[in-house]
Amino acid sequence: MALGGSSEWKVTPYLIYLVFITTLGPLQFGYHLAELNAPQAVITCERKSIHSATAPSLPQCIPMNPSQFGLVSSIYTLGGLLGALLAGPISTKHGRLFALRATTIFFILGPVAEAFASSIPVLGLGRFLSGIGAGASIVVGPIYISEIAPPSAKGFFGAFTQVMTNVGILLTQSLGYFLSRESLWRVILAIAGIIGFLELLGLFLVPESPTWLADHQNGNVARKVLQRIRGKNADIEPEVEGWRISAGVEHSSGEEQSLLSPPAGNIPPKQPPVTITRAITDSFYRPAILAVVGIMVSQQLTGINSIIMYSVSLLQTILPTTAALLSVIISAINLIITLACSPLPDKIGRRYCLLLSISGMGLNSVLLALGIYFNQKALSAIAVLLFVACFAVGLGPVPFILASELVGPEAVGAAQSWALAANWIATFIVAQFFPMLNDLLGGRGRIYWIFAAMACLFGSFIYWRVPETKGKANADEVWGRTAERRRD
């Protein structure tokens, strides 16, 4: 495969291997997000006519009411928030590879605690540890992939983060369909630990990001790593030139000076990074941060994780024999539609995808509420499938794209921090309070009227406050500003 002007590249087996191993982290993120969905009734002792198949030291189930189960589910998101906040600084200081390897420790310890849990605190601890790994992996993984991917194909390879997240959801829902009985639910939780261990082994053949090496005065090593990734006959000089332009004279000396230092006199002053506090207090950046936070919150508060995490218990009353199978189908559709619609943001625009997506989710929330309330099985099943399909069109992938397009490069880190914090907090709210609120409202789909209202509210926000970024060269063009940088 050859792309990008005079610079040719091909997809080497080593590049595929690196992307696969790195995206096992996002796969784990999706896996843990949905792992309690199918076996919920077995884990919480809701089903009474089951027989123990484990050793006497481990209980068949762990009695939990909806509030306690909501806490066990949502504590995963608190771990994710912590992992996401820690991952950026650690990967910047110690390297992407160090951070990736650190996530696997949590991906091993967390599932071990979950699989052998005999009480709510131990199960919650396992979920929290798994969340730390997941939160860190969806920060560091995409950064690493963007730094090893060929410049003209960063979008293509970057899409595998979302694809592998959906693969993880599909995997755990499929296992849940077959293993949600007796004590086999522990196997579902343990498999995540096996995946984490395999990822740790696989990372021993993964090099440090060449971009990070170049930025930390290891230019010769960075060149060797990049050449190995691209292939021995590939021309890597254009990418090395990019390192020179972004490095600055003050970061190189000796051998690295000749590799990385930019030509004198043709580099504009580098903007200092914008802090998280300044990003929200400075009126120059505030509209972008509010837009990023708004779309991240809308992604969660329109109800997608009520389906991903609780669809089996939600639909059990009207679809007692097919609820678990429907969850598998939902996950498969989520994966297929995400793949099929991945070109849409570049073709019809990010904002249009978001509006199309949230409108469809709002409409299907109404249909799902009516289907459950009137015990219409076919309507409920179709509404759930269309709800997830609409999510995959826009609200699934687009918010993560916009987080880096609405601000200049000096504020990307701050924007991503705000985006991830908003996303994990909103995920926690849904995970924690959905079972309680659904129970308080008496079930029967009434909660989806709330999600429909939220879709209307956030749809209006997107229409009025989120600009289009498709075809825009930079953030200044997005917001209709002059290219002149803000001066303190």
Protein backbone atom coordinates (compact mmCIF):
# COMPACT_ATOMS: atom_id res chain seq x y z
CA MET A 1 0.00 0.00 0.00
CA ALA A 2 1.39 3.36 -0.97
CA LEU A 3 -0.04 6.64 0.22
CA GLY A 4 1.02 10.21 0.69
CA GLY A 5 2.96 11.97 -2.05
CA SER A 6 6.57 10.92 -2.44
CA SER A 7 6.62 9.01 0.81
CA GLU A 8 5.58 5.39 0.34
CA TRP A 9 4.63 2.98 3.06
CA LYS A 10 3.16 -0.44 3.33
CA VAL A 11 1.28 -2.31 6.01
CA THR A 12 3.94 -4.53 7.51
CA PRO A 13 3.12 -7.56 9.68
CA TYR A 14 4.98 -5.84 12.51
CA LEU A 15 2.75 -2.75 12.30
CA ILE A 16 -0.35 -4.96 12.40
CA TYR A 17 1.07 -6.78 15.43
CA LEU A 18 1.75 -3.50 17.26
CA VAL A 19 -1.75 -2.17 16.58
CA PHE A 20 -3.34 -5.46 17.66
CA ILE A 21 -1.42 -5.72 20.95
CA THR A 22 -2.02 -2.06 21.76
CA THR A 23 -5.76 -2.27 21.11
CA LEU A 24 -6.13 -5.21 23.51
CA GLY A 25 -6.41 -2.44 26.12
CA PRO A 26 -9.51 -0.87 24.50
CA LEU A 27 -10.84 -4.40 24.03
CA GLN A 28 -10.55 -4.84 27.81
CA PHE A 29 -12.31 -1.51 28.30
CA GLY A 30 -15.34 -2.77 26.38
CA TYR A 31 -15.13 -6.22 27.96
CA HIS A 32 -15.27 -4.96 31.54
CA LEU A 33 -17.92 -2.39 30.67
CA ALA A 34 -20.39 -5.15 29.75
CA GLU A 35 -19.14 -8.17 31.70
CA LEU A 36 -21.84 -8.04 34.42
CA ASN A 37 -24.76 -7.57 32.02
CA ALA A 38 -25.72 -11.14 31.10
CA PRO A 39 -24.82 -12.87 34.41
CA GLN A 40 -26.38 -10.21 36.68
CA ALA A 41 -29.24 -12.43 37.87
CA VAL A 42 -26.87 -15.29 38.69
CA ILE A 43 -24.27 -13.14 40.44
CA THR A 44 -26.83 -11.35 42.62
CA CYS A 45 -28.65 -14.56 43.66
CA GLU A 46 -31.83 -13.46 41.89
CA ARG A 47 -32.12 -16.92 40.43
CA LYS A 48 -32.78 -19.35 43.25
CA SER A 49 -32.95 -22.66 41.39
CA ILE A 50 -29.26 -22.99 40.56
CA HIS A 51 -26.75 -25.39 42.05
CA SER A 52 -23.20 -24.74 43.09
CA ALA A 53 -20.41 -26.10 40.93
CA THR A 54 -17.47 -24.47 42.67
CA ALA A 55 -15.36 -25.25 45.66
CA PRO A 56 -17.04 -24.78 49.05
CA SER A 57 -14.81 -21.79 49.83
CA LEU A 58 -16.43 -19.74 47.07
CA PRO A 59 -20.12 -18.91 47.31
CA GLN A 60 -22.43 -19.69 44.40
CA CYS A 61 -23.51 -16.03 44.25
CA ILE A 62 -23.21 -12.72 46.09
CA PRO A 63 -26.55 -11.32 47.35
CA MET A 64 -27.06 -7.75 46.12
CA ASN A 65 -29.98 -5.38 45.80
CA PRO A 66 -30.23 -3.00 42.78
CA SER A 67 -28.41 -0.23 44.64
CA GLN A 68 -25.49 -2.47 45.61
CA PHE A 69 -25.24 -3.94 42.12
CA GLY A 70 -25.27 -0.43 40.70
CA LEU A 71 -22.35 0.46 42.98
CA VAL A 72 -20.36 -2.60 41.90
CA SER A 73 -21.01 -1.74 38.26
CA SER A 74 -20.27 1.97 38.55
CA ILE A 75 -17.11 1.71 40.66
CA TYR A 76 -15.46 0.52 37.45
CA THR A 77 -15.97 4.01 36.03
CA LEU A 78 -14.34 5.65 39.07
CA GLY A 79 -11.29 3.50 38.47
CA GLY A 80 -11.45 4.51 34.82
CA LEU A 81 -11.49 8.19 35.71
CA LEU A 82 -8.44 7.76 37.95
CA GLY A 83 -6.58 5.77 35.30
CA ALA A 84 -7.37 8.31 32.61
CA LEU A 85 -6.12 11.21 34.72
CA LEU A 86 -2.88 9.43 35.65
CA ALA A 87 -2.08 7.95 32.25
CA GLY A 88 -1.28 11.19 30.42
CA PRO A 89 1.42 12.51 32.77
CA ILE A 90 2.94 9.04 33.26
CA SER A 91 3.14 8.30 29.54
CA THR A 92 4.67 11.73 28.91
CA LYS A 93 7.34 11.37 31.59
CA HIS A 94 8.14 7.64 31.48
CA GLY A 95 7.07 6.67 27.98
CA ARG A 96 4.09 5.13 26.22
CA LEU A 97 5.43 1.60 26.59
CA PHE A 98 5.86 1.88 30.35
CA ALA A 99 2.28 3.11 30.68
CA LEU A 100 0.92 0.35 28.45
CA ARG A 101 2.70 -2.33 30.47
CA ALA A 102 1.44 -0.80 33.71
CA THR A 103 -2.17 -1.11 32.51
CA THR A 104 -1.78 -4.88 32.12
CA ILE A 105 -0.96 -5.24 35.82
CA PHE A 106 -4.40 -3.84 36.63
CA PHE A 107 -5.96 -5.98 33.88
CA ILE A 108 -4.54 -9.06 35.65
CA LEU A 109 -5.10 -8.16 39.32
CA GLY A 110 -8.61 -6.80 38.76
CA PRO A 111 -10.08 -9.94 37.13
CA VAL A 112 -8.37 -12.16 39.72
CA ALA A 113 -10.14 -10.29 42.52
CA GLU A 114 -13.44 -10.39 40.58
CA ALA A 115 -13.29 -14.08 39.72
CA PHE A 116 -12.50 -15.17 43.30
CA ALA A 117 -14.72 -12.61 45.03
CA SER A 118 -16.83 -13.87 47.89
CA SER A 119 -18.26 -10.51 48.95
CA ILE A 120 -19.36 -7.16 47.52
CA PRO A 121 -16.19 -5.26 48.66
CA VAL A 122 -13.84 -7.73 46.95
CA LEU A 123 -15.89 -7.73 43.75
CA GLY A 124 -15.97 -3.93 43.85
CA LEU A 125 -12.20 -3.77 44.40
CA GLY A 126 -11.64 -5.97 41.36
CA ARG A 127 -13.90 -3.77 39.25
CA PHE A 128 -12.07 -0.65 40.46
CA LEU A 129 -8.64 -2.10 39.55
CA SER A 130 -9.92 -3.17 36.14
CA GLY A 131 -11.27 0.34 35.66
CA ILE A 132 -7.86 1.90 36.32
CA GLY A 133 -6.36 -0.24 33.58
CA ALA A 134 -9.21 0.52 31.19
CA GLY A 135 -9.10 4.27 31.80
CA ALA A 136 -5.37 4.39 31.22
CA SER A 137 -5.47 2.17 28.14
CA ILE A 138 -7.96 4.29 26.22
CA VAL A 139 -5.70 7.30 26.81
CA VAL A 140 -2.29 5.78 26.05
CA GLY A 141 -3.37 3.28 23.38
CA PRO A 142 -4.68 5.85 20.87
CA ILE A 143 -1.63 8.07 21.49
CA TYR A 144 0.75 5.17 20.77
CA ILE A 145 -1.16 4.13 17.64
CA SER A 146 -1.19 7.68 16.28
CA GLU A 147 2.59 7.83 16.77
CA ILE A 148 3.37 4.56 14.97
CA ALA A 149 0.75 4.84 12.22
CA PRO A 150 1.79 6.24 8.82
CA PRO A 151 0.88 9.96 8.68
CA SER A 152 -1.58 9.48 5.83
CA ALA A 153 -3.42 6.65 7.60
CA LYS A 154 -3.70 7.81 11.20
CA GLY A 155 -7.48 7.99 10.96
CA PHE A 156 -7.71 4.45 9.59
CA PHE A 157 -5.57 2.90 12.29
CA GLY A 158 -7.01 5.16 14.98
CA ALA A 159 -10.47 3.73 14.28
CA PHE A 160 -9.34 0.37 15.64
CA THR A 161 -9.59 1.74 19.19
CA GLN A 162 -13.37 2.02 18.86
CA VAL A 163 -13.59 -1.21 16.83
CA MET A 164 -11.74 -3.22 19.48
CA THR A 165 -13.86 -1.68 22.23
CA ASN A 166 -16.91 -3.06 20.43
CA VAL A 167 -15.16 -6.41 19.95
CA GLY A 168 -14.66 -6.57 23.72
CA ILE A 169 -18.34 -5.84 24.34
CA LEU A 170 -19.37 -8.50 21.81
CA LEU A 171 -16.97 -11.04 23.34
CA THR A 172 -18.21 -10.63 26.90
CA GLN A 173 -21.88 -10.62 25.84
CA SER A 174 -21.32 -13.82 23.87
CA LEU A 175 -19.58 -15.50 26.79
CA GLY A 176 -22.37 -14.28 29.06
CA TYR A 177 -24.97 -15.93 26.85
CA PHE A 178 -23.33 -19.34 27.32
CA LEU A 179 -21.83 -19.05 30.82
CA SER A 180 -24.51 -17.18 32.81
CA ARG A 181 -25.42 -20.23 34.90
CA GLU A 182 -24.34 -21.88 38.10
CA SER A 183 -20.86 -20.60 39.01
CA LEU A 184 -19.62 -20.25 35.47
CA TRP A 185 -20.04 -16.47 35.74
CA ARG A 186 -16.64 -16.49 37.43
CA VAL A 187 -15.10 -17.82 34.21
CA ILE A 188 -16.38 -14.75 32.34
CA LEU A 189 -14.55 -12.49 34.80
CA ALA A 190 -11.40 -14.64 34.83
CA ILE A 191 -10.99 -14.63 31.03
CA ALA A 192 -10.27 -10.91 31.17
CA GLY A 193 -7.26 -11.68 33.37
CA ILE A 194 -5.98 -14.18 30.80
CA ILE A 195 -6.28 -11.53 28.09
CA GLY A 196 -4.38 -9.10 30.31
CA PHE A 197 -1.58 -11.63 30.84
CA LEU A 198 -1.32 -12.31 27.10
CA GLU A 199 -1.17 -8.57 26.45
CA LEU A 200 1.68 -8.23 28.95
CA LEU A 201 3.61 -10.97 27.16
CA GLY A 202 2.88 -9.40 23.79
CA LEU A 203 4.16 -6.02 24.94
CA PHE A 204 7.66 -7.45 25.43
CA LEU A 205 7.96 -7.41 21.62
CA VAL A 206 6.59 -3.86 21.37
CA PRO A 207 9.09 -0.96 21.16
CA GLU A 208 8.76 2.48 22.65
CA SER A 209 7.00 5.02 20.45
CA PRO A 210 9.56 6.48 18.01
CA THR A 211 7.96 9.90 18.41
CA TRP A 212 8.42 9.79 22.19
CA LEU A 213 12.00 8.58 21.77
CA ALA A 214 12.72 11.42 19.36
CA ASP A 215 11.30 13.96 21.79
CA HIS A 216 13.45 12.60 24.63
CA GLN A 217 16.84 12.85 22.95
CA ASN A 218 17.00 9.33 21.54
CA GLY A 219 16.95 10.25 17.87
CA ASN A 220 19.12 7.41 16.60
CA VAL A 221 17.08 4.80 18.46
CA ALA A 222 13.88 6.47 17.24
CA ARG A 223 15.04 6.16 13.61
CA LYS A 224 15.83 2.46 14.04
CA VAL A 225 12.44 1.77 15.62
CA LEU A 226 10.57 3.67 12.92
CA GLN A 227 12.51 1.88 10.16
CA ARG A 228 11.61 -1.48 11.67
CA ILE A 229 7.92 -0.54 11.80
CA ARG A 230 7.83 0.82 8.24
CA GLY A 231 10.00 -1.89 6.69
CA LYS A 232 13.69 -1.87 5.85
CA ASN A 233 13.20 -0.35 2.38
CA ALA A 234 10.70 2.33 3.40
CA ASP A 235 11.62 6.01 3.19
CA ILE A 236 11.26 7.42 6.70
CA GLU A 237 12.89 10.80 6.04
CA PRO A 238 9.60 12.76 5.76
CA GLU A 239 8.57 11.55 9.23
CA VAL A 240 12.00 12.28 10.67
CA GLU A 241 11.69 15.77 9.21
CA GLY A 242 8.42 16.10 11.15
CA TRP A 243 10.31 15.29 14.33
CA ARG A 244 12.84 18.02 13.52
CA ILE A 245 10.10 20.58 13.02
CA SER A 246 8.31 19.76 16.27
CA ALA A 247 11.36 19.17 18.47
CA GLY A 248 13.00 22.63 18.71
CA VAL A 249 16.67 23.36 19.17
CA GLU A 250 16.52 23.30 22.94
CA HIS A 251 15.63 19.58 23.00
CA SER A 252 18.59 18.22 21.05
CA SER A 253 22.33 18.09 21.22
CA GLY A 254 25.24 16.04 19.85
CA GLU A 255 24.11 13.20 17.63
CA GLU A 256 20.45 14.02 18.19
CA GLN A 257 21.07 17.64 17.16
CA SER A 258 21.77 16.56 13.58
CA LEU A 259 18.72 14.30 13.57
CA LEU A 260 16.11 16.43 15.22
CA SER A 261 17.03 20.10 15.26
CA PRO A 262 14.97 22.23 12.86
CA PRO A 263 16.45 24.52 10.25
CA ALA A 264 17.11 27.92 11.81
CA GLY A 265 14.78 30.78 11.11
CA ASN A 266 11.75 28.92 9.70
CA ILE A 267 9.99 27.66 12.81
CA PRO A 268 7.28 29.75 14.45
CA PRO A 269 7.40 30.14 18.23
CA LYS A 270 6.01 27.05 19.92
CA GLN A 271 2.90 27.75 22.00
CA PRO A 272 3.26 26.69 25.65
CA PRO A 273 0.81 23.97 26.70
CA VAL A 274 -2.50 25.22 28.07
CA THR A 275 -3.31 24.00 31.57
CA ILE A 276 -6.62 22.36 32.47
CA THR A 277 -7.57 25.37 34.62
CA ARG A 278 -6.74 27.94 31.97
CA ALA A 279 -8.67 26.02 29.32
CA ILE A 280 -11.96 26.54 31.18
CA THR A 281 -11.29 30.00 32.65
CA ASP A 282 -9.90 31.62 29.50
CA SER A 283 -12.69 32.92 27.25
CA PHE A 284 -10.53 32.07 24.23
CA TYR A 285 -10.71 28.31 24.91
CA ARG A 286 -13.89 28.06 27.01
CA PRO A 287 -16.37 27.61 24.11
CA ALA A 288 -14.38 24.64 22.82
CA ILE A 289 -14.11 23.03 26.26
CA LEU A 290 -17.84 23.47 26.89
CA ALA A 291 -18.59 21.93 23.49
CA VAL A 292 -16.29 18.96 24.21
CA VAL A 293 -17.76 18.39 27.67
CA GLY A 294 -21.30 18.75 26.32
CA ILE A 295 -20.96 16.11 23.63
CA MET A 296 -19.14 13.73 26.00
CA VAL A 297 -21.91 14.04 28.58
CA SER A 298 -24.59 13.65 25.89
CA GLN A 299 -22.90 10.44 24.76
CA GLN A 300 -23.62 8.86 28.14
CA LEU A 301 -26.76 10.59 29.45
CA THR A 302 -28.77 9.60 26.37
CA GLY A 303 -28.67 6.05 27.71
CA ILE A 304 -26.27 3.90 25.68
CA ASN A 305 -24.75 2.22 28.74
CA SER A 306 -28.19 1.35 30.08
CA ILE A 307 -28.25 -1.02 27.10
CA ILE A 308 -24.60 -2.11 27.17
CA MET A 309 -24.55 -2.77 30.93
CA TYR A 310 -28.16 -3.63 31.84
CA SER A 311 -30.04 -4.80 28.73
CA VAL A 312 -30.54 -8.36 29.98
CA SER A 313 -32.14 -7.36 33.29
CA LEU A 314 -34.06 -4.57 31.56
CA LEU A 315 -35.66 -6.85 28.95
CA GLN A 316 -35.91 -9.99 31.09
CA THR A 317 -39.54 -9.34 32.02
CA ILE A 318 -40.87 -9.20 28.45
CA LEU A 319 -38.21 -11.35 26.75
CA PRO A 320 -37.33 -13.95 29.40
CA THR A 321 -35.84 -16.47 26.96
CA THR A 322 -34.20 -14.19 24.44
CA ALA A 323 -32.91 -11.18 26.42
CA ALA A 324 -29.34 -12.55 26.65
CA LEU A 325 -29.30 -13.52 22.96
CA LEU A 326 -30.61 -10.07 22.05
CA SER A 327 -27.68 -8.53 23.95
CA VAL A 328 -25.27 -10.52 21.79
CA ILE A 329 -27.06 -9.31 18.64
CA ILE A 330 -26.98 -5.73 19.95
CA SER A 331 -23.21 -5.95 20.44
CA ALA A 332 -22.71 -7.42 16.97
CA ILE A 333 -24.78 -4.64 15.39
CA ASN A 334 -22.81 -2.03 17.34
CA LEU A 335 -19.58 -3.44 15.89
CA ILE A 336 -20.89 -3.76 12.32
CA ILE A 337 -22.47 -0.29 12.19
CA THR A 338 -19.34 1.29 13.69
CA LEU A 339 -17.25 -0.27 10.92
CA ALA A 340 -19.76 0.56 8.19
CA CYS A 341 -20.24 4.18 9.27
CA SER A 342 -16.61 5.02 9.99
CA PRO A 343 -16.27 7.07 6.75
CA LEU A 344 -19.42 9.14 7.47
CA PRO A 345 -17.86 11.89 9.64
CA ASP A 346 -15.44 12.71 6.82
CA LYS A 347 -18.18 12.59 4.17
CA ILE A 348 -21.21 14.34 5.68
CA GLY A 349 -19.59 16.13 8.63
CA ARG A 350 -19.14 15.55 12.36
CA ARG A 351 -22.00 17.80 13.46
CA TYR A 352 -24.51 16.25 11.06
CA CYS A 353 -23.54 12.76 12.26
CA LEU A 354 -24.11 13.83 15.87
CA LEU A 355 -27.53 15.35 15.13
CA LEU A 356 -28.60 12.33 13.07
CA SER A 357 -27.42 10.00 15.82
CA ILE A 358 -29.01 11.75 18.78
CA SER A 359 -32.31 12.26 16.93
CA GLY A 360 -32.50 8.55 16.19
CA MET A 361 -31.65 7.64 19.78
CA GLY A 362 -34.34 9.97 21.13
CA LEU A 363 -36.98 8.51 18.80
CA ASN A 364 -36.05 4.93 19.66
CA SER A 365 -36.03 5.76 23.38
CA VAL A 366 -39.71 6.64 22.98
CA LEU A 367 -40.38 3.43 21.03
CA LEU A 368 -38.53 1.36 23.64
CA ALA A 369 -40.48 2.96 26.48
CA LEU A 370 -43.76 2.18 24.70
CA GLY A 371 -42.66 -1.35 23.77
CA ILE A 372 -41.72 -2.30 27.32
CA TYR A 373 -44.74 -0.59 28.88
CA PHE A 374 -47.25 -2.32 26.58
CA ASN A 375 -45.31 -5.61 26.57
CA GLN A 376 -44.71 -5.43 22.80
CA LYS A 377 -41.79 -7.81 22.33
CA ALA A 378 -41.13 -7.12 18.67
CA LEU A 379 -41.27 -3.35 19.12
CA SER A 380 -38.95 -3.49 22.13
CA ALA A 381 -36.39 -5.65 20.33
CA ILE A 382 -36.41 -3.49 17.18
CA ALA A 383 -36.19 -0.27 19.22
CA VAL A 384 -33.15 -1.54 21.14
CA LEU A 385 -31.36 -2.59 17.96
CA LEU A 386 -32.08 0.73 16.23
CA PHE A 387 -31.10 2.66 19.37
CA VAL A 388 -27.64 1.08 19.33
CA ALA A 389 -27.32 1.47 15.55
CA CYS A 390 -28.07 5.20 15.83
CA PHE A 391 -25.44 5.54 18.57
CA ALA A 392 -22.80 3.93 16.32
CA VAL A 393 -23.55 6.45 13.54
CA GLY A 394 -22.37 9.50 15.48
CA LEU A 395 -22.42 9.69 19.27
CA GLY A 396 -20.12 6.67 19.51
CA PRO A 397 -17.07 7.73 17.48
CA VAL A 398 -17.46 11.47 16.80
CA PRO A 399 -16.97 12.92 20.34
CA PHE A 400 -13.46 11.47 20.48
CA ILE A 401 -12.64 13.04 17.11
CA LEU A 402 -13.91 16.48 18.07
CA ALA A 403 -11.91 16.60 21.30
CA SER A 404 -8.74 17.22 19.28
CA GLU A 405 -10.27 19.31 16.47
CA LEU A 406 -11.97 22.11 18.40
CA VAL A 407 -8.76 23.46 19.96
CA GLY A 408 -5.25 24.27 18.82
CA PRO A 409 -2.33 21.89 19.47
CA GLU A 410 -1.33 23.82 22.59
CA ALA A 411 -4.67 22.97 24.24
CA VAL A 412 -5.28 19.42 22.98
CA GLY A 413 -4.03 17.87 26.23
CA ALA A 414 -6.31 20.04 28.36
CA ALA A 415 -9.28 19.37 26.06
CA GLN A 416 -8.73 15.61 26.23
CA SER A 417 -8.48 15.76 30.01
CA TRP A 418 -11.79 17.59 30.25
CA ALA A 419 -13.35 15.22 27.69
CA LEU A 420 -12.26 12.06 29.49
CA ALA A 421 -13.24 13.38 32.91
CA ALA A 422 -16.71 14.33 31.64
CA ASN A 423 -17.12 10.98 29.90
CA TRP A 424 -16.15 8.86 32.90
CA ILE A 425 -18.22 10.91 35.36
CA ALA A 426 -21.29 10.69 33.11
CA THR A 427 -20.70 6.95 32.70
CA PHE A 428 -20.56 6.62 36.49
CA ILE A 429 -23.87 8.45 36.86
CA VAL A 430 -25.63 6.09 34.45
CA ALA A 431 -23.97 2.95 35.83
CA GLN A 432 -24.69 3.85 39.45
CA PHE A 433 -28.18 5.27 39.26
CA PHE A 434 -29.85 3.48 36.35
CA PRO A 435 -30.81 0.34 38.37
CA MET A 436 -32.01 2.47 41.29
CA LEU A 437 -33.97 4.94 39.16
CA ASN A 438 -35.46 2.20 37.01
CA ASP A 439 -36.58 0.39 40.18
CA LEU A 440 -37.91 3.64 41.71
CA LEU A 441 -39.99 4.33 38.59
CA GLY A 442 -41.46 0.85 38.75
CA GLY A 443 -39.67 -0.44 35.67
CA ARG A 444 -41.80 -1.01 32.56
CA GLY A 445 -39.58 1.24 30.44
CA ARG A 446 -40.55 4.53 32.08
CA ILE A 447 -36.91 5.53 32.45
CA TYR A 448 -36.57 5.78 28.67
CA TRP A 449 -38.85 8.79 28.66
CA ILE A 450 -36.06 10.48 30.64
CA PHE A 451 -33.47 9.42 28.07
CA ALA A 452 -35.72 10.72 25.27
CA ALA A 453 -35.93 14.08 27.03
CA MET A 454 -32.15 14.12 27.45
CA ALA A 455 -31.76 13.45 23.72
CA CYS A 456 -33.91 16.51 22.97
CA LEU A 457 -31.94 18.65 25.42
CA PHE A 458 -28.50 17.64 24.20
CA GLY A 459 -29.61 17.66 20.56
CA SER A 460 -30.45 21.34 21.00
CA PHE A 461 -27.07 21.91 22.64
CA ILE A 462 -25.23 20.29 19.71
CA TYR A 463 -27.26 22.29 17.19
CA TRP A 464 -26.49 25.64 18.82
CA ARG A 465 -23.09 25.18 20.49
CA VAL A 466 -21.05 22.59 18.55
CA PRO A 467 -19.49 23.84 15.29
CA GLU A 468 -18.61 21.73 12.26
CA THR A 469 -14.93 20.79 11.94
CA LYS A 470 -15.06 18.88 8.65
CA GLY A 471 -12.85 20.52 6.05
CA LYS A 472 -11.48 23.09 8.51
CA ALA A 473 -7.70 23.51 8.58
CA ASN A 474 -7.44 24.39 12.27
CA ALA A 475 -9.37 25.47 15.35
CA ASP A 476 -9.20 29.14 14.40
CA GLU A 477 -11.03 28.39 11.17
CA VAL A 478 -13.58 26.25 13.06
CA TRP A 479 -14.48 29.14 15.35
CA GLY A 480 -14.14 31.85 12.70
CA ARG A 481 -11.20 33.56 14.40
CA THR A 482 -8.07 35.12 13.02
CA ALA A 483 -4.97 33.01 13.12
CA GLU A 484 -3.32 35.40 15.57
CA ARG A 485 -2.58 33.63 18.85
CA ARG A 486 -3.91 34.88 22.14
CA ARG A 487 -1.40 36.81 24.21
CA ASP A 488 -1.62 36.98 27.97
